[in-house]
Amino acid sequence: MASPQQPFGTVVSSIGVNLRKYPSTDSVVTGTLEHGTKIGLRSKVRAQVIDGNGIWYLLRDKPVWVAARHVENTGQVPLSKDVEPAHPVG
């Protein structure tokens, strides 16, 4: 299978990664991806920190988020200015 166009990510967590409606572990899980799955990435935001990593990726083909802690990216993923974190600080 060919890799998706860049930027894309590969799930590196051995147990896979949850797909979330918003970039937070408090958000509803809408599905999961297995270890090794390749996914197209639309953009990234700074949101909830997971194991020291506060970046979350928005998938290209559906409006769901994955924690960057569990995904290795290839290519430049643009930072989104349009999406607010689920729980803004302040």
PDB file of N, CA and C in Angstrom:
ATOM      1  N   MET A   1       0.840  -1.190   0.000  1.00  0.00           N
ATOM      2  CA  MET A   1       0.000   0.000   0.000  1.00  0.00           C
ATOM      3  C   MET A   1       0.878   1.245   0.000  1.00  0.00           C
ATOM      4  N   ALA A   2       0.574   2.196  -0.856  1.00  0.00           N
ATOM      5  CA  ALA A   2       1.347   3.432  -0.944  1.00  0.00           C
ATOM      6  C   ALA A   2       1.052   4.318   0.264  1.00  0.00           C
ATOM      7  N   SER A   3       2.039   5.102   0.651  1.00  0.00           N
ATOM      8  CA  SER A   3       1.835   6.036   1.750  1.00  0.00           C
ATOM      9  C   SER A   3       0.949   7.182   1.277  1.00  0.00           C
ATOM     10  N   PRO A   4       0.145   7.755   2.192  1.00  0.00           N
ATOM     11  CA  PRO A   4      -0.668   8.903   1.817  1.00  0.00           C
ATOM     12  C   PRO A   4       0.223  10.085   1.441  1.00  0.00           C
ATOM     13  N   GLN A   5      -0.348  11.062   0.747  1.00  0.00           N
ATOM     14  CA  GLN A   5       0.440  12.254   0.427  1.00  0.00           C
ATOM     15  C   GLN A   5       0.860  12.938   1.714  1.00  0.00           C
ATOM     16  N   GLN A   6       1.978  13.641   1.668  1.00  0.00           N
ATOM     17  CA  GLN A   6       2.476  14.307   2.869  1.00  0.00           C
ATOM     18  C   GLN A   6       1.628  15.529   3.162  1.00  0.00           C
ATOM     19  N   PRO A   7       1.516  15.966   4.402  1.00  0.00           N
ATOM     20  CA  PRO A   7       2.059  15.257   5.560  1.00  0.00           C
ATOM     21  C   PRO A   7       1.185  14.065   5.946  1.00  0.00           C
ATOM     22  N   PHE A   8       1.842  13.038   6.443  1.00  0.00           N
ATOM     23  CA  PHE A   8       1.109  11.885   6.957  1.00  0.00           C
ATOM     24  C   PHE A   8       1.782  11.397   8.224  1.00  0.00           C
ATOM     25  N   GLY A   9       1.070  10.530   8.935  1.00  0.00           N
ATOM     26  CA  GLY A   9       1.599   9.990  10.174  1.00  0.00           C
ATOM     27  C   GLY A   9       1.454   8.487  10.198  1.00  0.00           C
ATOM     28  N   THR A  10       2.276   7.852  11.028  1.00  0.00           N
ATOM     29  CA  THR A  10       2.209   6.414  11.248  1.00  0.00           C
ATOM     30  C   THR A  10       1.989   6.188  12.736  1.00  0.00           C
ATOM     31  N   VAL A  11       0.987   5.397  13.089  1.00  0.00           N
ATOM     32  CA  VAL A  11       0.700   5.101  14.495  1.00  0.00           C
ATOM     33  C   VAL A  11       1.853   4.259  15.047  1.00  0.00           C
ATOM     34  N   VAL A  12       2.530   4.772  16.082  1.00  0.00           N
ATOM     35  CA  VAL A  12       3.688   4.078  16.655  1.00  0.00           C
ATOM     36  C   VAL A  12       3.389   3.445  18.013  1.00  0.00           C
ATOM     37  N   SER A  13       2.251   3.758  18.609  1.00  0.00           N
ATOM     38  CA  SER A  13       1.886   3.138  19.885  1.00  0.00           C
ATOM     39  C   SER A  13       1.582   1.662  19.659  1.00  0.00           C
ATOM     40  N   SER A  14       2.150   0.796  20.493  1.00  0.00           N
ATOM     41  CA  SER A  14       1.957  -0.645  20.323  1.00  0.00           C
ATOM     42  C   SER A  14       0.500  -1.059  20.515  1.00  0.00           C
ATOM     43  N   ILE A  15      -0.264  -0.268  21.266  1.00  0.00           N
ATOM     44  CA  ILE A  15      -1.678  -0.603  21.484  1.00  0.00           C
ATOM     45  C   ILE A  15      -2.607   0.220  20.586  1.00  0.00           C
ATOM     46  N   GLY A  16      -2.029   0.996  19.670  1.00  0.00           N
ATOM     47  CA  GLY A  16      -2.842   1.817  18.782  1.00  0.00           C
ATOM     48  C   GLY A  16      -3.149   3.172  19.400  1.00  0.00           C
ATOM     49  N   VAL A  17      -4.063   3.893  18.767  1.00  0.00           N
ATOM     50  CA  VAL A  17      -4.398   5.242  19.225  1.00  0.00           C
ATOM     51  C   VAL A  17      -5.902   5.467  19.053  1.00  0.00           C
ATOM     52  N   ASN A  18      -6.466   6.232  19.990  1.00  0.00           N
ATOM     53  CA  ASN A  18      -7.881   6.580  19.908  1.00  0.00           C
ATOM     54  C   ASN A  18      -8.082   7.781  18.996  1.00  0.00           C
ATOM     55  N   LEU A  19      -9.167   7.759  18.242  1.00  0.00           N
ATOM     56  CA  LEU A  19      -9.611   8.917  17.470  1.00  0.00           C
ATOM     57  C   LEU A  19     -10.588   9.674  18.358  1.00  0.00           C
ATOM     58  N   ARG A  20     -10.409  10.989  18.463  1.00  0.00           N
ATOM     59  CA  ARG A  20     -11.242  11.792  19.362  1.00  0.00           C
ATOM     60  C   ARG A  20     -11.930  12.919  18.599  1.00  0.00           C
ATOM     61  N   LYS A  21     -13.117  13.292  19.077  1.00  0.00           N
ATOM     62  CA  LYS A  21     -13.880  14.373  18.440  1.00  0.00           C
ATOM     63  C   LYS A  21     -13.165  15.711  18.609  1.00  0.00           C
ATOM     64  N   TYR A  22     -12.502  15.909  19.754  1.00  0.00           N
ATOM     65  CA  TYR A  22     -11.744  17.126  20.042  1.00  0.00           C
ATOM     66  C   TYR A  22     -10.371  16.719  20.582  1.00  0.00           C
ATOM     67  N   PRO A  23      -9.374  17.624  20.553  1.00  0.00           N
ATOM     68  CA  PRO A  23      -8.014  17.270  20.995  1.00  0.00           C
ATOM     69  C   PRO A  23      -7.864  17.235  22.517  1.00  0.00           C
ATOM     70  N   SER A  24      -8.509  16.228  23.131  1.00  0.00           N
ATOM     71  CA  SER A  24      -8.461  16.063  24.583  1.00  0.00           C
ATOM     72  C   SER A  24      -8.886  14.643  24.934  1.00  0.00           C
ATOM     73  N   THR A  25      -8.284  14.071  25.973  1.00  0.00           N
ATOM     74  CA  THR A  25      -8.695  12.735  26.416  1.00  0.00           C
ATOM     75  C   THR A  25     -10.063  12.767  27.091  1.00  0.00           C
ATOM     76  N   ASP A  26     -10.595  13.962  27.395  1.00  0.00           N
ATOM     77  CA  ASP A  26     -11.951  14.086  27.921  1.00  0.00           C
ATOM     78  C   ASP A  26     -12.993  13.990  26.809  1.00  0.00           C
ATOM     79  N   SER A  27     -12.546  14.057  25.561  1.00  0.00           N
ATOM     80  CA  SER A  27     -13.444  14.037  24.417  1.00  0.00           C
ATOM     81  C   SER A  27     -13.865  12.607  24.068  1.00  0.00           C
ATOM     82  N   VAL A  28     -14.994  12.505  23.400  1.00  0.00           N
ATOM     83  CA  VAL A  28     -15.559  11.215  22.998  1.00  0.00           C
ATOM     84  C   VAL A  28     -14.615  10.477  22.040  1.00  0.00           C
ATOM     85  N   VAL A  29     -14.418   9.168  22.271  1.00  0.00           N
ATOM     86  CA  VAL A  29     -13.642   8.328  21.352  1.00  0.00           C
ATOM     87  C   VAL A  29     -14.572   7.927  20.213  1.00  0.00           C
ATOM     88  N   THR A  30     -14.165   8.243  18.975  1.00  0.00           N
ATOM     89  CA  THR A  30     -15.008   7.940  17.813  1.00  0.00           C
ATOM     90  C   THR A  30     -14.499   6.737  17.029  1.00  0.00           C
ATOM     91  N   GLY A  31     -13.338   6.198  17.449  1.00  0.00           N
ATOM     92  CA  GLY A  31     -12.766   5.032  16.793  1.00  0.00           C
ATOM     93  C   GLY A  31     -11.344   4.833  17.259  1.00  0.00           C
ATOM     94  N   THR A  32     -10.659   3.853  16.676  1.00  0.00           N
ATOM     95  CA  THR A  32      -9.258   3.589  17.008  1.00  0.00           C
ATOM     96  C   THR A  32      -8.495   3.239  15.735  1.00  0.00           C
ATOM     97  N   LEU A  33      -7.191   3.401  15.808  1.00  0.00           N
ATOM     98  CA  LEU A  33      -6.302   2.992  14.718  1.00  0.00           C
ATOM     99  C   LEU A  33      -5.254   2.055  15.291  1.00  0.00           C
ATOM    100  N   GLU A  34      -4.929   0.997  14.565  1.00  0.00           N
ATOM    101  CA  GLU A  34      -3.945   0.017  15.024  1.00  0.00           C
ATOM    102  C   GLU A  34      -2.520   0.495  14.781  1.00  0.00           C
ATOM    103  N   HIS A  35      -1.588  -0.104  15.528  1.00  0.00           N
ATOM    104  CA  HIS A  35      -0.155   0.147  15.341  1.00  0.00           C
ATOM    105  C   HIS A  35       0.211  -0.049  13.869  1.00  0.00           C
ATOM    106  N   GLY A  36       0.982   0.896  13.314  1.00  0.00           N
ATOM    107  CA  GLY A  36       1.443   0.786  11.928  1.00  0.00           C
ATOM    108  C   GLY A  36       0.525   1.419  10.901  1.00  0.00           C
ATOM    109  N   THR A  37      -0.687   1.842  11.306  1.00  0.00           N
ATOM    110  CA  THR A  37      -1.620   2.477  10.373  1.00  0.00           C
ATOM    111  C   THR A  37      -1.054   3.811   9.905  1.00  0.00           C
ATOM    112  N   LYS A  38      -1.138   4.070   8.606  1.00  0.00           N
ATOM    113  CA  LYS A  38      -0.714   5.353   8.036  1.00  0.00           C
ATOM    114  C   LYS A  38      -1.944   6.222   7.833  1.00  0.00           C
ATOM    115  N   ILE A  39      -1.840   7.502   8.244  1.00  0.00           N
ATOM    116  CA  ILE A  39      -2.966   8.428   8.178  1.00  0.00           C
ATOM    117  C   ILE A  39      -2.522   9.771   7.606  1.00  0.00           C
ATOM    118  N   GLY A  40      -3.390  10.372   6.801  1.00  0.00           N
ATOM    119  CA  GLY A  40      -3.131  11.719   6.297  1.00  0.00           C
ATOM    120  C   GLY A  40      -3.414  12.742   7.390  1.00  0.00           C
ATOM    121  N   LEU A  41      -2.539  13.743   7.525  1.00  0.00           N
ATOM    122  CA  LEU A  41      -2.681  14.771   8.555  1.00  0.00           C
ATOM    123  C   LEU A  41      -2.982  16.119   7.914  1.00  0.00           C
ATOM    124  N   ARG A  42      -4.058  16.776   8.384  1.00  0.00           N
ATOM    125  CA  ARG A  42      -4.456  18.080   7.838  1.00  0.00           C
ATOM    126  C   ARG A  42      -3.735  19.223   8.553  1.00  0.00           C
ATOM    127  N   SER A  43      -3.756  19.195   9.904  1.00  0.00           N
ATOM    128  CA  SER A  43      -3.152  20.273  10.684  1.00  0.00           C
ATOM    129  C   SER A  43      -2.883  19.786  12.098  1.00  0.00           C
ATOM    130  N   LYS A  44      -2.298  20.674  12.901  1.00  0.00           N
ATOM    131  CA  LYS A  44      -2.010  20.343  14.299  1.00  0.00           C
ATOM    132  C   LYS A  44      -2.379  21.525  15.180  1.00  0.00           C
ATOM    133  N   VAL A  45      -2.638  21.228  16.448  1.00  0.00           N
ATOM    134  CA  VAL A  45      -2.885  22.259  17.452  1.00  0.00           C
ATOM    135  C   VAL A  45      -2.118  21.911  18.711  1.00  0.00           C
ATOM    136  N   ARG A  46      -1.914  22.934  19.550  1.00  0.00           N
ATOM    137  CA  ARG A  46      -1.372  22.699  20.883  1.00  0.00           C
ATOM    138  C   ARG A  46      -2.569  22.559  21.808  1.00  0.00           C
ATOM    139  N   ALA A  47      -2.651  21.448  22.507  1.00  0.00           N
ATOM    140  CA  ALA A  47      -3.794  21.179  23.388  1.00  0.00           C
ATOM    141  C   ALA A  47      -3.303  20.370  24.586  1.00  0.00           C
ATOM    142  N   GLN A  48      -4.096  19.422  25.054  1.00  0.00           N
ATOM    143  CA  GLN A  48      -3.749  18.624  26.230  1.00  0.00           C
ATOM    144  C   GLN A  48      -2.412  17.914  26.030  1.00  0.00           C
ATOM    145  N   VAL A  49      -1.564  17.986  27.047  1.00  0.00           N
ATOM    146  CA  VAL A  49      -0.250  17.350  26.995  1.00  0.00           C
ATOM    147  C   VAL A  49      -0.377  15.867  27.365  1.00  0.00           C
ATOM    148  N   ILE A  50       0.157  15.003  26.498  1.00  0.00           N
ATOM    149  CA  ILE A  50       0.169  13.561  26.724  1.00  0.00           C
ATOM    150  C   ILE A  50       1.628  13.114  26.797  1.00  0.00           C
ATOM    151  N   ASP A  51       2.059  12.626  27.965  1.00  0.00           N
ATOM    152  CA  ASP A  51       3.447  12.176  28.157  1.00  0.00           C
ATOM    153  C   ASP A  51       4.457  13.200  27.639  1.00  0.00           C
ATOM    154  N   GLY A  52       4.235  14.473  27.966  1.00  0.00           N
ATOM    155  CA  GLY A  52       5.173  15.531  27.594  1.00  0.00           C
ATOM    156  C   GLY A  52       4.978  16.115  26.206  1.00  0.00           C
ATOM    157  N   ASN A  53       4.009  15.620  25.439  1.00  0.00           N
ATOM    158  CA  ASN A  53       3.769  16.109  24.071  1.00  0.00           C
ATOM    159  C   ASN A  53       2.380  16.749  24.019  1.00  0.00           C
ATOM    160  N   GLY A  54       2.329  18.058  23.705  1.00  0.00           N
ATOM    161  CA  GLY A  54       1.070  18.792  23.683  1.00  0.00           C
ATOM    162  C   GLY A  54       0.489  19.012  22.297  1.00  0.00           C
ATOM    163  N   ILE A  55       0.992  18.284  21.301  1.00  0.00           N
ATOM    164  CA  ILE A  55       0.496  18.437  19.931  1.00  0.00           C
ATOM    165  C   ILE A  55      -0.555  17.370  19.634  1.00  0.00           C
ATOM    166  N   TRP A  56      -1.611  17.779  18.948  1.00  0.00           N
ATOM    167  CA  TRP A  56      -2.653  16.880  18.456  1.00  0.00           C
ATOM    168  C   TRP A  56      -2.813  17.110  16.964  1.00  0.00           C
ATOM    169  N   TYR A  57      -3.031  16.039  16.208  1.00  0.00           N
ATOM    170  CA  TYR A  57      -3.208  16.123  14.760  1.00  0.00           C
ATOM    171  C   TYR A  57      -4.664  15.934  14.365  1.00  0.00           C
ATOM    172  N   LEU A  58      -5.113  16.767  13.428  1.00  0.00           N
ATOM    173  CA  LEU A  58      -6.421  16.616  12.795  1.00  0.00           C
ATOM    174  C   LEU A  58      -6.220  15.781  11.534  1.00  0.00           C
ATOM    175  N   LEU A  59      -6.983  14.710  11.379  1.00  0.00           N
ATOM    176  CA  LEU A  59      -6.838  13.855  10.199  1.00  0.00           C
ATOM    177  C   LEU A  59      -7.353  14.562   8.946  1.00  0.00           C
ATOM    178  N   ARG A  60      -6.798  14.199   7.814  1.00  0.00           N
ATOM    179  CA  ARG A  60      -7.158  14.820   6.552  1.00  0.00           C
ATOM    180  C   ARG A  60      -8.514  14.341   6.047  1.00  0.00           C
ATOM    181  N   ASP A  61      -8.826  13.066   6.263  1.00  0.00           N
ATOM    182  CA  ASP A  61     -10.023  12.495   5.641  1.00  0.00           C
ATOM    183  C   ASP A  61     -11.264  12.472   6.523  1.00  0.00           C
ATOM    184  N   LYS A  62     -11.133  12.846   7.807  1.00  0.00           N
ATOM    185  CA  LYS A  62     -12.314  12.912   8.688  1.00  0.00           C
ATOM    186  C   LYS A  62     -12.020  13.866   9.833  1.00  0.00           C
ATOM    187  N   PRO A  63     -13.062  14.494  10.401  1.00  0.00           N
ATOM    188  CA  PRO A  63     -12.857  15.504  11.446  1.00  0.00           C
ATOM    189  C   PRO A  63     -12.633  14.898  12.826  1.00  0.00           C
ATOM    190  N   VAL A  64     -11.517  14.196  12.991  1.00  0.00           N
ATOM    191  CA  VAL A  64     -11.155  13.602  14.280  1.00  0.00           C
ATOM    192  C   VAL A  64      -9.688  13.904  14.582  1.00  0.00           C
ATOM    193  N   TRP A  65      -9.335  13.797  15.843  1.00  0.00           N
ATOM    194  CA  TRP A  65      -8.010  14.149  16.349  1.00  0.00           C
ATOM    195  C   TRP A  65      -7.296  12.934  16.922  1.00  0.00           C
ATOM    196  N   VAL A  66      -5.960  12.928  16.808  1.00  0.00           N
ATOM    197  CA  VAL A  66      -5.122  11.923  17.461  1.00  0.00           C
ATOM    198  C   VAL A  66      -3.995  12.645  18.191  1.00  0.00           C
ATOM    199  N   ALA A  67      -3.601  12.099  19.330  1.00  0.00           N
ATOM    200  CA  ALA A  67      -2.493  12.667  20.095  1.00  0.00           C
ATOM    201  C   ALA A  67      -1.180  12.382  19.360  1.00  0.00           C
ATOM    202  N   ALA A  68      -0.387  13.428  19.130  1.00  0.00           N
ATOM    203  CA  ALA A  68       0.880  13.275  18.417  1.00  0.00           C
ATOM    204  C   ALA A  68       1.845  12.370  19.162  1.00  0.00           C
ATOM    205  N   ARG A  69       1.659  12.202  20.449  1.00  0.00           N
ATOM    206  CA  ARG A  69       2.512  11.319  21.256  1.00  0.00           C
ATOM    207  C   ARG A  69       2.533   9.902  20.690  1.00  0.00           C
ATOM    208  N   HIS A  70       1.452   9.508  20.026  1.00  0.00           N
ATOM    209  CA  HIS A  70       1.306   8.142  19.532  1.00  0.00           C
ATOM    210  C   HIS A  70       1.467   8.026  18.021  1.00  0.00           C
ATOM    211  N   VAL A  71       1.886   9.138  17.372  1.00  0.00           N
ATOM    212  CA  VAL A  71       1.985   9.161  15.909  1.00  0.00           C
ATOM    213  C   VAL A  71       3.321   9.776  15.498  1.00  0.00           C
ATOM    214  N   GLU A  72       4.031   9.112  14.588  1.00  0.00           N
ATOM    215  CA  GLU A  72       5.264   9.671  14.019  1.00  0.00           C
ATOM    216  C   GLU A  72       4.887  10.314  12.694  1.00  0.00           C
ATOM    217  N   ASN A  73       5.181  11.612  12.536  1.00  0.00           N
ATOM    218  CA  ASN A  73       4.760  12.290  11.313  1.00  0.00           C
ATOM    219  C   ASN A  73       5.880  12.385  10.285  1.00  0.00           C
ATOM    220  N   THR A  74       5.470  12.472   9.014  1.00  0.00           N
ATOM    221  CA  THR A  74       6.383  12.651   7.891  1.00  0.00           C
ATOM    222  C   THR A  74       5.893  13.858   7.105  1.00  0.00           C
ATOM    223  N   GLY A  75       6.764  14.838   6.914  1.00  0.00           N
ATOM    224  CA  GLY A  75       6.368  16.067   6.229  1.00  0.00           C
ATOM    225  C   GLY A  75       5.972  17.130   7.240  1.00  0.00           C
ATOM    226  N   GLN A  76       5.800  18.360   6.749  1.00  0.00           N
ATOM    227  CA  GLN A  76       5.434  19.483   7.597  1.00  0.00           C
ATOM    228  C   GLN A  76       3.926  19.506   7.818  1.00  0.00           C
ATOM    229  N   VAL A  77       3.497  19.483   9.083  1.00  0.00           N
ATOM    230  CA  VAL A  77       2.078  19.563   9.428  1.00  0.00           C
ATOM    231  C   VAL A  77       1.808  21.003   9.855  1.00  0.00           C
ATOM    232  N   PRO A  78       0.919  21.715   9.122  1.00  0.00           N
ATOM    233  CA  PRO A  78       0.675  23.121   9.465  1.00  0.00           C
ATOM    234  C   PRO A  78      -0.021  23.276  10.811  1.00  0.00           C
ATOM    235  N   LEU A  79       0.346  24.331  11.532  1.00  0.00           N
ATOM    236  CA  LEU A  79      -0.287  24.650  12.805  1.00  0.00           C
ATOM    237  C   LEU A  79      -1.606  25.349  12.512  1.00  0.00           C
ATOM    238  N   SER A  80      -2.689  24.848  13.087  1.00  0.00           N
ATOM    239  CA  SER A  80      -4.010  25.426  12.859  1.00  0.00           C
ATOM    240  C   SER A  80      -4.242  26.579  13.819  1.00  0.00           C
ATOM    241  N   LYS A  81      -4.675  27.716  13.274  1.00  0.00           N
ATOM    242  CA  LYS A  81      -5.013  28.879  14.100  1.00  0.00           C
ATOM    243  C   LYS A  81      -6.519  28.920  14.346  1.00  0.00           C
ATOM    244  N   ASP A  82      -7.260  28.040  13.684  1.00  0.00           N
ATOM    245  CA  ASP A  82      -8.724  28.123  13.700  1.00  0.00           C
ATOM    246  C   ASP A  82      -9.390  27.242  14.745  1.00  0.00           C
ATOM    247  N   VAL A  83      -8.646  26.359  15.382  1.00  0.00           N
ATOM    248  CA  VAL A  83      -9.244  25.405  16.309  1.00  0.00           C
ATOM    249  C   VAL A  83      -8.792  25.728  17.729  1.00  0.00           C
ATOM    250  N   GLU A  84      -9.745  25.889  18.602  1.00  0.00           N
ATOM    251  CA  GLU A  84      -9.438  26.141  20.011  1.00  0.00           C
ATOM    252  C   GLU A  84      -9.286  24.814  20.746  1.00  0.00           C
ATOM    253  N   PRO A  85      -8.378  24.740  21.715  1.00  0.00           N
ATOM    254  CA  PRO A  85      -8.299  23.535  22.539  1.00  0.00           C
ATOM    255  C   PRO A  85      -9.638  23.286  23.240  1.00  0.00           C
ATOM    256  N   ALA A  86      -9.905  22.051  23.573  1.00  0.00           N
ATOM    257  CA  ALA A  86     -11.169  21.705  24.233  1.00  0.00           C
ATOM    258  C   ALA A  86     -11.292  22.396  25.595  1.00  0.00           C
ATOM    259  N   HIS A  87     -10.158  22.593  26.262  1.00  0.00           N
ATOM    260  CA  HIS A  87     -10.164  23.225  27.575  1.00  0.00           C
ATOM    261  C   HIS A  87      -9.105  24.318  27.597  1.00  0.00           C
ATOM    262  N   PRO A  88      -9.435  25.526  27.106  1.00  0.00           N
ATOM    263  CA  PRO A  88      -8.450  26.623  27.085  1.00  0.00           C
ATOM    264  C   PRO A  88      -7.931  26.936  28.489  1.00  0.00           C
ATOM    265  N   VAL A  89      -6.689  27.314  28.565  1.00  0.00           N
ATOM    266  CA  VAL A  89      -6.075  27.681  29.838  1.00  0.00           C
ATOM    267  C   VAL A  89      -6.392  29.132  30.109  1.00  0.00           C
ATOM    268  N   GLY A  90      -6.687  29.460  31.371  1.00  0.00           N
ATOM    269  CA  GLY A  90      -6.878  30.863  31.721  1.00  0.00           C
ATOM    270  C   GLY A  90      -8.202  31.185  32.105  1.00  0.00           C
TER     271      GLY A  90
END
